[in-house]
Amino acid sequence: MSAHNDSAHAHAHGDGHQHGDLDWEVMAAHLVNSGELQLPVLRRTAGRLSELLGPEPEVRRVLDIGSGPGVMTCVLAEAFPAAETVAVDGTPALLTHTWDRAARLGVGERVTVRHAELPDGLDGALGTADLIWSSKAVHHIGDQQGVLDALAGALNPGGLLAVAEGGLPTRFLPRDIGTGRPGLQARLDAAQEYWFEIMRSELPGSTSVAEDWPAMFRRAGLTEVASFTLLLDLPAPLGEAARTFLHTQLTRFREMMSETLDADDVKTLDLLLDADAPDGILRRSDAFLLSATTVYTGVAPRVTTPRPAPSQGPTRGGACPARSGAR
């Protein structure tokens, strides 16, 4: 299974995954485009993670689990210049994108790539890290608690696990767009939730769990559990890159969900996808992009060295104090 941290597919959390016949090599350009649109959020996220880790201990190794084409991998490499940053993904073509991007951005000497399918690749072969980042990958593994346990177990003492999951549905159109029934996006949300439920149920080893992410982090043995949410707010009128991203997203909606939508909504989607139509997503003036990324964090317990007992000095009689236990 390949999982990526860039927004590419059409479910209610606006993330970047699709099972079945999706060709990740074909999707690479879209993944890069969506990741670059999110760069302001990704950089602010890396800054928050750096604040949470603090100046001590210095971050020496970072794992990006489900790295896709490496947009966030390179952001992390820039944010933690003393660290080796390792991109981990199940799609070799996307790891090649990561390698090329890192070289182009001047961080290639500190970025490595590892091909690993999830969750089998989390068997200890990746080694340990001071920071583990994963975005929209955990929910594509049947046993979500199990993979959090594995990620937490790969942290060095005092290390930080940061997982982007959940969040709010992406918004990009007004409620009434002047064609079809108002409220199209709400109905797309419902269709995406239905698709997501089916996707989860069909995963190998699918295990039902209440998606209380802070509670799941605590069950994984992490401490100092917290979360933060950052917004990407691109107002209308959108630039070409954002319009291209939305056109690809709507294309995925049309391919995946047409059977669960009524004929009127399918007709509206077709109009939005028409590259020549004034009301299409590539031309209309009211299209915007608003998304929220929620990141959950937890810290691996720090190893504490027992403090030595205070020195008592010699007794009045000159004898040394008794010692207990074997030397």
C-alpha atoms as a PDB file:
ATOM      1  CA  MET A   1       0.000   0.000   0.000  1.00  0.00           C
ATOM      2  CA  SER A   2       1.279   3.405  -0.883  1.00  0.00           C
ATOM      3  CA  ALA A   3       0.262   6.447   1.103  1.00  0.00           C
ATOM      4  CA  HIS A   4       1.112  10.063   0.486  1.00  0.00           C
ATOM      5  CA  ASN A   5       1.007  13.275   2.397  1.00  0.00           C
ATOM      6  CA  ASP A   6      -0.092  15.467  -0.487  1.00  0.00           C
ATOM      7  CA  SER A   7      -3.726  16.151  -1.270  1.00  0.00           C
ATOM      8  CA  ALA A   8      -4.814  14.079  -4.236  1.00  0.00           C
ATOM      9  CA  HIS A   9      -7.991  12.227  -3.714  1.00  0.00           C
ATOM     10  CA  ALA A  10     -11.584  12.790  -3.050  1.00  0.00           C
ATOM     11  CA  HIS A  11     -12.748  11.940   0.376  1.00  0.00           C
ATOM     12  CA  ALA A  12     -14.186  14.138   3.032  1.00  0.00           C
ATOM     13  CA  HIS A  13     -10.876  14.960   4.652  1.00  0.00           C
ATOM     14  CA  GLY A  14      -9.394  16.311   1.448  1.00  0.00           C
ATOM     15  CA  ASP A  15      -6.273  14.179   1.565  1.00  0.00           C
ATOM     16  CA  GLY A  16      -4.036  12.393  -0.843  1.00  0.00           C
ATOM     17  CA  HIS A  17      -4.855   8.730  -1.303  1.00  0.00           C
ATOM     18  CA  GLN A  18      -6.735   6.387  -3.511  1.00  0.00           C
ATOM     19  CA  HIS A  19      -6.815   2.634  -3.575  1.00  0.00           C
ATOM     20  CA  GLY A  20      -7.503   0.284  -6.412  1.00  0.00           C
ATOM     21  CA  ASP A  21      -6.401   1.222  -9.915  1.00  0.00           C
ATOM     22  CA  LEU A  22      -4.960   4.672  -9.265  1.00  0.00           C
ATOM     23  CA  ASP A  23      -1.618   5.071 -11.065  1.00  0.00           C
ATOM     24  CA  TRP A  24       0.573   7.084  -8.686  1.00  0.00           C
ATOM     25  CA  GLU A  25       3.055   7.811 -11.449  1.00  0.00           C
ATOM     26  CA  VAL A  26       0.306   9.474 -13.474  1.00  0.00           C
ATOM     27  CA  MET A  27      -0.830  11.309 -10.336  1.00  0.00           C
ATOM     28  CA  ALA A  28       2.665  12.595  -9.527  1.00  0.00           C
ATOM     29  CA  ALA A  29       2.182  15.988 -11.180  1.00  0.00           C
ATOM     30  CA  HIS A  30      -1.066  16.499  -9.261  1.00  0.00           C
ATOM     31  CA  LEU A  31       0.562  15.462  -6.001  1.00  0.00           C
ATOM     32  CA  VAL A  32       3.391  17.920  -6.535  1.00  0.00           C
ATOM     33  CA  ASN A  33       0.955  20.688  -7.495  1.00  0.00           C
ATOM     34  CA  SER A  34      -1.208  20.121  -4.417  1.00  0.00           C
ATOM     35  CA  GLY A  35       1.836  19.897  -2.155  1.00  0.00           C
ATOM     36  CA  GLU A  36       3.216  23.166  -3.479  1.00  0.00           C
ATOM     37  CA  LEU A  37      -0.155  24.861  -2.946  1.00  0.00           C
ATOM     38  CA  GLN A  38       0.108  23.702   0.674  1.00  0.00           C
ATOM     39  CA  LEU A  39       3.685  24.941   1.116  1.00  0.00           C
ATOM     40  CA  PRO A  40       2.702  27.854   3.388  1.00  0.00           C
ATOM     41  CA  VAL A  41       0.924  25.407   5.703  1.00  0.00           C
ATOM     42  CA  LEU A  42       3.693  22.814   5.485  1.00  0.00           C
ATOM     43  CA  ARG A  43       6.351  25.353   6.426  1.00  0.00           C
ATOM     44  CA  ARG A  44       4.298  26.652   9.341  1.00  0.00           C
ATOM     45  CA  THR A  45       3.751  23.044  10.427  1.00  0.00           C
ATOM     46  CA  ALA A  46       7.480  22.332  10.384  1.00  0.00           C
ATOM     47  CA  GLY A  47       8.023  25.467  12.441  1.00  0.00           C
ATOM     48  CA  ARG A  48       5.525  24.321  15.057  1.00  0.00           C
ATOM     49  CA  LEU A  49       7.165  20.903  15.233  1.00  0.00           C
ATOM     50  CA  SER A  50      10.545  22.552  15.763  1.00  0.00           C
ATOM     51  CA  GLU A  51       9.076  24.597  18.625  1.00  0.00           C
ATOM     52  CA  LEU A  52       7.596  21.477  20.208  1.00  0.00           C
ATOM     53  CA  LEU A  53      10.914  19.653  20.029  1.00  0.00           C
ATOM     54  CA  GLY A  54      12.811  22.587  21.489  1.00  0.00           C
ATOM     55  CA  PRO A  55      16.548  23.233  21.232  1.00  0.00           C
ATOM     56  CA  GLU A  56      17.482  20.089  23.184  1.00  0.00           C
ATOM     57  CA  PRO A  57      18.019  17.395  22.124  1.00  0.00           C
ATOM     58  CA  GLU A  58      19.111  18.270  18.611  1.00  0.00           C
ATOM     59  CA  VAL A  59      17.132  16.489  15.905  1.00  0.00           C
ATOM     60  CA  ARG A  60      19.433  14.089  14.099  1.00  0.00           C
ATOM     61  CA  ARG A  61      17.008  11.878  12.149  1.00  0.00           C
ATOM     62  CA  VAL A  62      13.550  12.503  10.676  1.00  0.00           C
ATOM     63  CA  LEU A  63      11.218   9.959   9.066  1.00  0.00           C
ATOM     64  CA  ASP A  64       8.491  11.063   6.624  1.00  0.00           C
ATOM     65  CA  ILE A  65       6.121   8.083   6.472  1.00  0.00           C
ATOM     66  CA  GLY A  66       4.066   8.048   3.261  1.00  0.00           C
ATOM     67  CA  SER A  67       6.153  10.792   1.713  1.00  0.00           C
ATOM     68  CA  GLY A  68       4.698  10.877  -1.813  1.00  0.00           C
ATOM     69  CA  PRO A  69       6.767  13.113  -4.119  1.00  0.00           C
ATOM     70  CA  GLY A  70       8.636  14.608  -1.164  1.00  0.00           C
ATOM     71  CA  VAL A  71       7.265  18.125  -0.828  1.00  0.00           C
ATOM     72  CA  MET A  72       7.061  17.871   2.970  1.00  0.00           C
ATOM     73  CA  THR A  73      10.245  15.800   3.080  1.00  0.00           C
ATOM     74  CA  CYS A  74      12.179  18.740   1.683  1.00  0.00           C
ATOM     75  CA  VAL A  75      10.417  21.197   4.007  1.00  0.00           C
ATOM     76  CA  LEU A  76      11.497  19.051   6.961  1.00  0.00           C
ATOM     77  CA  ALA A  77      15.041  18.871   5.623  1.00  0.00           C
ATOM     78  CA  GLU A  78      15.130  22.673   5.460  1.00  0.00           C
ATOM     79  CA  ALA A  79      13.637  23.032   8.952  1.00  0.00           C
ATOM     80  CA  PHE A  80      16.068  20.560  10.577  1.00  0.00           C
ATOM     81  CA  PRO A  81      19.429  21.210   8.914  1.00  0.00           C
ATOM     82  CA  ALA A  82      21.376  18.944  11.288  1.00  0.00           C
ATOM     83  CA  ALA A  83      19.201  15.909  10.527  1.00  0.00           C
ATOM     84  CA  GLU A  84      19.087  13.136   8.010  1.00  0.00           C
ATOM     85  CA  THR A  85      15.541  13.216   6.582  1.00  0.00           C
ATOM     86  CA  VAL A  86      14.262   9.896   5.249  1.00  0.00           C
ATOM     87  CA  ALA A  87      11.357   9.725   2.787  1.00  0.00           C
ATOM     88  CA  VAL A  88       9.476   6.425   3.132  1.00  0.00           C
ATOM     89  CA  ASP A  89       6.958   5.405   0.483  1.00  0.00           C
ATOM     90  CA  GLY A  90       5.662   2.353  -1.353  1.00  0.00           C
ATOM     91  CA  THR A  91       5.888   3.859  -4.865  1.00  0.00           C
ATOM     92  CA  PRO A  92       9.397   3.971  -6.368  1.00  0.00           C
ATOM     93  CA  ALA A  93       8.438   6.601  -8.970  1.00  0.00           C
ATOM     94  CA  LEU A  94       7.396   9.017  -6.236  1.00  0.00           C
ATOM     95  CA  LEU A  95      10.622   8.397  -4.342  1.00  0.00           C
ATOM     96  CA  THR A  96      12.447   9.382  -7.528  1.00  0.00           C
ATOM     97  CA  HIS A  97      10.493  12.643  -7.497  1.00  0.00           C
ATOM     98  CA  THR A  98      11.615  13.146  -3.898  1.00  0.00           C
ATOM     99  CA  TRP A  99      15.236  12.538  -4.766  1.00  0.00           C
ATOM    100  CA  ASP A 100      15.120  14.944  -7.707  1.00  0.00           C
ATOM    101  CA  ARG A 101      13.298  17.623  -5.700  1.00  0.00           C
ATOM    102  CA  ALA A 102      15.782  17.404  -2.834  1.00  0.00           C
ATOM    103  CA  ALA A 103      18.713  17.775  -5.233  1.00  0.00           C
ATOM    104  CA  ARG A 104      17.066  20.742  -6.954  1.00  0.00           C
ATOM    105  CA  LEU A 105      16.414  22.496  -3.635  1.00  0.00           C
ATOM    106  CA  GLY A 106      19.955  21.934  -2.356  1.00  0.00           C
ATOM    107  CA  VAL A 107      19.106  19.457   0.425  1.00  0.00           C
ATOM    108  CA  GLY A 108      19.943  16.281  -1.479  1.00  0.00           C
ATOM    109  CA  GLU A 109      22.931  15.427   0.700  1.00  0.00           C
ATOM    110  CA  ARG A 110      20.680  15.239   3.772  1.00  0.00           C
ATOM    111  CA  VAL A 111      17.679  13.453   2.199  1.00  0.00           C
ATOM    112  CA  THR A 112      17.524   9.708   1.675  1.00  0.00           C
ATOM    113  CA  VAL A 113      14.689   7.574   0.331  1.00  0.00           C
ATOM    114  CA  ARG A 114      13.439   4.173   1.449  1.00  0.00           C
ATOM    115  CA  HIS A 115      10.999   1.999  -0.459  1.00  0.00           C
ATOM    116  CA  ALA A 116       8.641   0.321   2.016  1.00  0.00           C
ATOM    117  CA  GLU A 117       5.069  -0.871   1.885  1.00  0.00           C
ATOM    118  CA  LEU A 118       2.916   0.033   4.873  1.00  0.00           C
ATOM    119  CA  PRO A 119       2.331  -1.346   7.405  1.00  0.00           C
ATOM    120  CA  ASP A 120       4.818  -4.172   6.732  1.00  0.00           C
ATOM    121  CA  GLY A 121       7.659  -1.693   6.386  1.00  0.00           C
ATOM    122  CA  LEU A 122       7.256  -0.596  10.003  1.00  0.00           C
ATOM    123  CA  ASP A 123       8.911  -3.703  11.360  1.00  0.00           C
ATOM    124  CA  GLY A 124      11.992  -1.984  12.708  1.00  0.00           C
ATOM    125  CA  ALA A 125      13.960  -1.936   9.468  1.00  0.00           C
ATOM    126  CA  LEU A 126      13.574   1.842   9.173  1.00  0.00           C
ATOM    127  CA  GLY A 127      15.421   2.440  12.421  1.00  0.00           C
ATOM    128  CA  THR A 128      14.600   5.096  14.982  1.00  0.00           C
ATOM    129  CA  ALA A 129      14.122   8.845  14.678  1.00  0.00           C
ATOM    130  CA  ASP A 130      13.819  12.007  16.734  1.00  0.00           C
ATOM    131  CA  LEU A 131      10.839  13.163  14.642  1.00  0.00           C
ATOM    132  CA  ILE A 132       8.359  11.031  12.723  1.00  0.00           C
ATOM    133  CA  TRP A 133       5.919  12.798  10.405  1.00  0.00           C
ATOM    134  CA  SER A 134       3.006  11.148   8.610  1.00  0.00           C
ATOM    135  CA  SER A 135       0.175  12.868   6.775  1.00  0.00           C
ATOM    136  CA  LYS A 136      -3.028  11.117   5.704  1.00  0.00           C
ATOM    137  CA  ALA A 137      -1.388   7.703   5.680  1.00  0.00           C
ATOM    138  CA  VAL A 138      -2.523   6.085   8.948  1.00  0.00           C
ATOM    139  CA  HIS A 139      -6.179   5.861   7.919  1.00  0.00           C
ATOM    140  CA  HIS A 140      -5.145   3.756   4.924  1.00  0.00           C
ATOM    141  CA  ILE A 141      -3.902   0.985   7.196  1.00  0.00           C
ATOM    142  CA  GLY A 142      -6.447  -1.467   8.551  1.00  0.00           C
ATOM    143  CA  ASP A 143      -5.249  -1.351  12.154  1.00  0.00           C
ATOM    144  CA  GLN A 144      -4.806   2.358  12.831  1.00  0.00           C
ATOM    145  CA  GLN A 145      -3.939   1.857  16.497  1.00  0.00           C
ATOM    146  CA  GLY A 146      -1.395  -0.777  15.538  1.00  0.00           C
ATOM    147  CA  VAL A 147       0.438   1.543  13.161  1.00  0.00           C
ATOM    148  CA  LEU A 148       0.458   4.349  15.736  1.00  0.00           C
ATOM    149  CA  ASP A 149       1.960   1.888  18.211  1.00  0.00           C
ATOM    150  CA  ALA A 150       4.647   0.996  15.667  1.00  0.00           C
ATOM    151  CA  LEU A 151       5.440   4.632  14.885  1.00  0.00           C
ATOM    152  CA  ALA A 152       5.617   5.517  18.572  1.00  0.00           C
ATOM    153  CA  GLY A 153       7.945   2.559  19.112  1.00  0.00           C
ATOM    154  CA  ALA A 154      10.328   3.918  16.472  1.00  0.00           C
ATOM    155  CA  LEU A 155      10.891   7.187  18.348  1.00  0.00           C
ATOM    156  CA  ASN A 156      14.033   7.893  20.282  1.00  0.00           C
ATOM    157  CA  PRO A 157      13.412   8.897  23.922  1.00  0.00           C
ATOM    158  CA  GLY A 158      11.925  12.386  23.901  1.00  0.00           C
ATOM    159  CA  GLY A 159      11.194  12.120  20.171  1.00  0.00           C
ATOM    160  CA  LEU A 160       8.055  13.557  18.591  1.00  0.00           C
ATOM    161  CA  LEU A 161       5.377  11.794  16.538  1.00  0.00           C
ATOM    162  CA  ALA A 162       3.287  14.143  14.376  1.00  0.00           C
ATOM    163  CA  VAL A 163       0.356  12.791  12.380  1.00  0.00           C
ATOM    164  CA  ALA A 164      -1.957  14.835  10.158  1.00  0.00           C
ATOM    165  CA  GLU A 165      -5.392  13.203  10.143  1.00  0.00           C
ATOM    166  CA  GLY A 166      -9.022  14.229  10.275  1.00  0.00           C
ATOM    167  CA  GLY A 167      -9.578  17.925   9.808  1.00  0.00           C
ATOM    168  CA  LEU A 168     -12.408  19.674   7.985  1.00  0.00           C
ATOM    169  CA  PRO A 169     -13.739  19.156   4.452  1.00  0.00           C
ATOM    170  CA  THR A 170     -12.085  21.363   1.874  1.00  0.00           C
ATOM    171  CA  ARG A 171     -14.269  24.159   0.516  1.00  0.00           C
ATOM    172  CA  PHE A 172     -13.914  25.696  -2.927  1.00  0.00           C
ATOM    173  CA  LEU A 173     -17.365  26.844  -4.155  1.00  0.00           C
ATOM    174  CA  PRO A 174     -20.280  28.869  -2.770  1.00  0.00           C
ATOM    175  CA  ARG A 175     -23.382  27.015  -1.581  1.00  0.00           C
ATOM    176  CA  ASP A 176     -25.302  28.249  -4.641  1.00  0.00           C
ATOM    177  CA  ILE A 177     -23.187  28.303  -7.793  1.00  0.00           C
ATOM    178  CA  GLY A 178     -26.006  29.378 -10.097  1.00  0.00           C
ATOM    179  CA  THR A 179     -26.490  26.009 -11.742  1.00  0.00           C
ATOM    180  CA  GLY A 180     -27.975  22.763 -10.455  1.00  0.00           C
ATOM    181  CA  ARG A 181     -29.296  22.417  -6.915  1.00  0.00           C
ATOM    182  CA  PRO A 182     -27.600  24.527  -4.234  1.00  0.00           C
ATOM    183  CA  GLY A 183     -25.485  22.638  -1.697  1.00  0.00           C
ATOM    184  CA  LEU A 184     -23.430  20.524  -4.111  1.00  0.00           C
ATOM    185  CA  GLN A 185     -20.422  20.366  -1.813  1.00  0.00           C
ATOM    186  CA  ALA A 186     -22.496  19.084   1.123  1.00  0.00           C
ATOM    187  CA  ARG A 187     -23.717  16.226  -1.042  1.00  0.00           C
ATOM    188  CA  LEU A 188     -20.179  15.530  -2.221  1.00  0.00           C
ATOM    189  CA  ASP A 189     -19.153  15.377   1.440  1.00  0.00           C
ATOM    190  CA  ALA A 190     -21.799  12.722   2.108  1.00  0.00           C
ATOM    191  CA  ALA A 191     -20.722  10.705  -0.932  1.00  0.00           C
ATOM    192  CA  GLN A 192     -17.094  10.917   0.156  1.00  0.00           C
ATOM    193  CA  GLU A 193     -17.913   9.708   3.659  1.00  0.00           C
ATOM    194  CA  TYR A 194     -19.758   6.734   2.147  1.00  0.00           C
ATOM    195  CA  TRP A 195     -16.749   5.986  -0.072  1.00  0.00           C
ATOM    196  CA  PHE A 196     -14.386   6.343   2.869  1.00  0.00           C
ATOM    197  CA  GLU A 197     -16.407   3.877   4.971  1.00  0.00           C
ATOM    198  CA  ILE A 198     -16.226   1.298   2.188  1.00  0.00           C
ATOM    199  CA  MET A 199     -12.501   1.917   1.666  1.00  0.00           C
ATOM    200  CA  ARG A 200     -11.780   1.402   5.363  1.00  0.00           C
ATOM    201  CA  SER A 201     -13.860  -1.782   5.552  1.00  0.00           C
ATOM    202  CA  GLU A 202     -11.974  -3.350   2.630  1.00  0.00           C
ATOM    203  CA  LEU A 203      -8.480  -2.762   4.003  1.00  0.00           C
ATOM    204  CA  PRO A 204      -6.520  -5.856   5.075  1.00  0.00           C
ATOM    205  CA  GLY A 205      -6.916  -6.344   8.803  1.00  0.00           C
ATOM    206  CA  SER A 206      -9.496  -3.568   9.019  1.00  0.00           C
ATOM    207  CA  THR A 207     -10.198  -2.826  12.666  1.00  0.00           C
ATOM    208  CA  SER A 208     -12.929  -0.520  13.862  1.00  0.00           C
ATOM    209  CA  VAL A 209     -11.726   2.130  16.297  1.00  0.00           C
ATOM    210  CA  ALA A 210     -13.159   5.388  17.559  1.00  0.00           C
ATOM    211  CA  GLU A 211     -10.983   7.957  15.805  1.00  0.00           C
ATOM    212  CA  ASP A 212     -10.156   9.843  18.973  1.00  0.00           C
ATOM    213  CA  TRP A 213      -6.619  10.605  17.886  1.00  0.00           C
ATOM    214  CA  PRO A 214      -5.380  12.029  21.209  1.00  0.00           C
ATOM    215  CA  ALA A 215      -6.650   8.910  23.011  1.00  0.00           C
ATOM    216  CA  MET A 216      -5.008   6.707  20.383  1.00  0.00           C
ATOM    217  CA  PHE A 217      -1.705   8.542  20.873  1.00  0.00           C
ATOM    218  CA  ARG A 218      -1.912   7.978  24.621  1.00  0.00           C
ATOM    219  CA  ARG A 219      -2.652   4.280  24.111  1.00  0.00           C
ATOM    220  CA  ALA A 220       0.517   4.154  22.009  1.00  0.00           C
ATOM    221  CA  GLY A 221       2.437   5.229  25.129  1.00  0.00           C
ATOM    222  CA  LEU A 222       3.027   8.840  24.113  1.00  0.00           C
ATOM    223  CA  THR A 223       2.984  11.777  26.505  1.00  0.00           C
ATOM    224  CA  GLU A 224       2.409  15.528  26.132  1.00  0.00           C
ATOM    225  CA  VAL A 225      -0.296  14.757  23.552  1.00  0.00           C
ATOM    226  CA  ALA A 226      -1.621  17.850  21.790  1.00  0.00           C
ATOM    227  CA  SER A 227      -2.912  19.089  18.448  1.00  0.00           C
ATOM    228  CA  PHE A 228      -2.968  22.182  16.270  1.00  0.00           C
ATOM    229  CA  THR A 229      -4.812  23.177  13.101  1.00  0.00           C
ATOM    230  CA  LEU A 230      -3.559  25.409  10.305  1.00  0.00           C
ATOM    231  CA  LEU A 231      -5.569  26.925   7.442  1.00  0.00           C
ATOM    232  CA  LEU A 232      -4.805  27.310   3.774  1.00  0.00           C
ATOM    233  CA  ASP A 233      -6.914  30.232   2.566  1.00  0.00           C
ATOM    234  CA  LEU A 234      -6.678  31.058  -1.141  1.00  0.00           C
ATOM    235  CA  PRO A 235      -9.457  33.526  -1.947  1.00  0.00           C
ATOM    236  CA  ALA A 236     -11.188  34.050  -5.269  1.00  0.00           C
ATOM    237  CA  PRO A 237     -10.182  34.596  -7.957  1.00  0.00           C
ATOM    238  CA  LEU A 238      -7.828  31.634  -7.945  1.00  0.00           C
ATOM    239  CA  GLY A 239      -4.591  31.322  -9.834  1.00  0.00           C
ATOM    240  CA  GLU A 240      -3.950  28.693 -12.472  1.00  0.00           C
ATOM    241  CA  ALA A 241      -2.230  26.171 -10.173  1.00  0.00           C
ATOM    242  CA  ALA A 242      -5.133  26.097  -7.713  1.00  0.00           C
ATOM    243  CA  ARG A 243      -7.681  25.823 -10.544  1.00  0.00           C
ATOM    244  CA  THR A 244      -5.746  22.918 -12.050  1.00  0.00           C
ATOM    245  CA  PHE A 245      -5.699  21.217  -8.655  1.00  0.00           C
ATOM    246  CA  LEU A 246      -9.479  21.620  -8.256  1.00  0.00           C
ATOM    247  CA  HIS A 247     -10.127  20.387 -11.785  1.00  0.00           C
ATOM    248  CA  THR A 248      -8.198  17.196 -11.011  1.00  0.00           C
ATOM    249  CA  GLN A 249     -10.033  16.807  -7.705  1.00  0.00           C
ATOM    250  CA  LEU A 250     -13.416  17.163  -9.387  1.00  0.00           C
ATOM    251  CA  THR A 251     -12.348  14.680 -12.039  1.00  0.00           C
ATOM    252  CA  ARG A 252     -11.666  12.179  -9.245  1.00  0.00           C
ATOM    253  CA  PHE A 253     -15.058  12.962  -7.686  1.00  0.00           C
ATOM    254  CA  ARG A 254     -16.731  12.317 -11.034  1.00  0.00           C
ATOM    255  CA  GLU A 255     -14.918   9.017 -11.567  1.00  0.00           C
ATOM    256  CA  MET A 256     -15.361   7.685  -8.045  1.00  0.00           C
ATOM    257  CA  MET A 257     -18.772   8.895  -6.965  1.00  0.00           C
ATOM    258  CA  SER A 258     -21.019   9.309  -9.975  1.00  0.00           C
ATOM    259  CA  GLU A 259     -22.959   6.188  -8.995  1.00  0.00           C
ATOM    260  CA  THR A 260     -23.858   7.689  -5.600  1.00  0.00           C
ATOM    261  CA  LEU A 261     -24.888  11.097  -6.944  1.00  0.00           C
ATOM    262  CA  ASP A 262     -28.154  11.929  -8.671  1.00  0.00           C
ATOM    263  CA  ALA A 263     -28.266  12.844 -12.362  1.00  0.00           C
ATOM    264  CA  ASP A 264     -28.542  16.573 -11.639  1.00  0.00           C
ATOM    265  CA  ASP A 265     -25.343  16.613  -9.568  1.00  0.00           C
ATOM    266  CA  VAL A 266     -23.484  14.573 -12.178  1.00  0.00           C
ATOM    267  CA  LYS A 267     -24.585  17.100 -14.796  1.00  0.00           C
ATOM    268  CA  THR A 268     -23.294  19.924 -12.586  1.00  0.00           C
ATOM    269  CA  LEU A 269     -19.955  18.169 -12.171  1.00  0.00           C
ATOM    270  CA  ASP A 270     -19.678  17.768 -15.934  1.00  0.00           C
ATOM    271  CA  LEU A 271     -20.276  21.503 -16.351  1.00  0.00           C
ATOM    272  CA  LEU A 272     -17.619  22.310 -13.741  1.00  0.00           C
ATOM    273  CA  LEU A 273     -15.173  20.051 -15.583  1.00  0.00           C
ATOM    274  CA  ASP A 274     -15.834  21.624 -18.993  1.00  0.00           C
ATOM    275  CA  ALA A 275     -12.608  23.448 -19.799  1.00  0.00           C
ATOM    276  CA  ASP A 276     -14.362  25.816 -22.218  1.00  0.00           C
ATOM    277  CA  ALA A 277     -17.454  26.629 -20.135  1.00  0.00           C
ATOM    278  CA  PRO A 278     -17.507  30.064 -18.429  1.00  0.00           C
ATOM    279  CA  ASP A 279     -19.022  28.312 -15.383  1.00  0.00           C
ATOM    280  CA  GLY A 280     -16.330  25.611 -15.349  1.00  0.00           C
ATOM    281  CA  ILE A 281     -13.879  25.447 -12.460  1.00  0.00           C
ATOM    282  CA  LEU A 282     -11.047  26.607 -14.725  1.00  0.00           C
ATOM    283  CA  ARG A 283     -12.835  29.866 -15.565  1.00  0.00           C
ATOM    284  CA  ARG A 284     -15.417  30.833 -12.957  1.00  0.00           C
ATOM    285  CA  SER A 285     -14.626  33.856 -10.793  1.00  0.00           C
ATOM    286  CA  ASP A 286     -16.073  32.585  -7.499  1.00  0.00           C
ATOM    287  CA  ALA A 287     -13.846  29.525  -7.008  1.00  0.00           C
ATOM    288  CA  PHE A 288     -11.644  29.637  -3.898  1.00  0.00           C
ATOM    289  CA  LEU A 289      -9.656  27.119  -1.838  1.00  0.00           C
ATOM    290  CA  LEU A 290     -10.031  26.806   1.919  1.00  0.00           C
ATOM    291  CA  SER A 291      -8.676  23.778   3.774  1.00  0.00           C
ATOM    292  CA  ALA A 292      -7.701  22.912   7.332  1.00  0.00           C
ATOM    293  CA  THR A 293      -4.858  20.616   8.339  1.00  0.00           C
ATOM    294  CA  THR A 294      -5.038  19.153  11.842  1.00  0.00           C
ATOM    295  CA  VAL A 295      -1.832  17.707  13.279  1.00  0.00           C
ATOM    296  CA  TYR A 296      -1.745  15.496  16.376  1.00  0.00           C
ATOM    297  CA  THR A 297       1.500  15.251  18.316  1.00  0.00           C
ATOM    298  CA  GLY A 298       2.911  13.149  21.126  1.00  0.00           C
ATOM    299  CA  VAL A 299       6.275  12.696  22.789  1.00  0.00           C
ATOM    300  CA  ALA A 300       8.046   9.419  23.528  1.00  0.00           C
ATOM    301  CA  PRO A 301       8.804   9.044  27.249  1.00  0.00           C
ATOM    302  CA  ARG A 302      12.189  10.433  28.125  1.00  0.00           C
ATOM    303  CA  VAL A 303      14.697   8.126  29.782  1.00  0.00           C
ATOM    304  CA  THR A 304      15.500   9.513  33.202  1.00  0.00           C
ATOM    305  CA  THR A 305      18.651   8.625  35.089  1.00  0.00           C
ATOM    306  CA  PRO A 306      17.949   7.912  38.775  1.00  0.00           C
ATOM    307  CA  ARG A 307      19.448  10.577  40.960  1.00  0.00           C
ATOM    308  CA  PRO A 308      22.131   9.245  43.360  1.00  0.00           C
ATOM    309  CA  ALA A 309      21.303   9.210  47.061  1.00  0.00           C
ATOM    310  CA  PRO A 310      22.791  12.137  48.990  1.00  0.00           C
ATOM    311  CA  SER A 311      26.177  11.425  50.474  1.00  0.00           C
ATOM    312  CA  GLN A 312      25.867  10.772  54.206  1.00  0.00           C
ATOM    313  CA  GLY A 313      29.529  10.961  55.270  1.00  0.00           C
ATOM    314  CA  PRO A 314      31.113   8.877  58.044  1.00  0.00           C
ATOM    315  CA  THR A 315      29.259   8.124  61.257  1.00  0.00           C
ATOM    316  CA  ARG A 316      30.445   9.408  64.630  1.00  0.00           C
ATOM    317  CA  GLY A 317      32.125   6.138  65.353  1.00  0.00           C
ATOM    318  CA  GLY A 318      34.128   6.335  62.153  1.00  0.00           C
ATOM    319  CA  ALA A 319      32.399   3.369  60.539  1.00  0.00           C
ATOM    320  CA  CYS A 320      31.125   3.596  56.956  1.00  0.00           C
ATOM    321  CA  PRO A 321      27.332   3.515  56.500  1.00  0.00           C
ATOM    322  CA  ALA A 322      25.865   0.159  55.593  1.00  0.00           C
ATOM    323  CA  ARG A 323      25.202  -0.570  51.889  1.00  0.00           C
ATOM    324  CA  SER A 324      22.389  -2.640  50.593  1.00  0.00           C
ATOM    325  CA  GLY A 325      22.187  -4.599  47.380  1.00  0.00           C
ATOM    326  CA  ALA A 326      24.808  -6.306  45.265  1.00  0.00           C
ATOM    327  CA  ARG A 327      27.611  -4.231  43.761  1.00  0.00           C
END
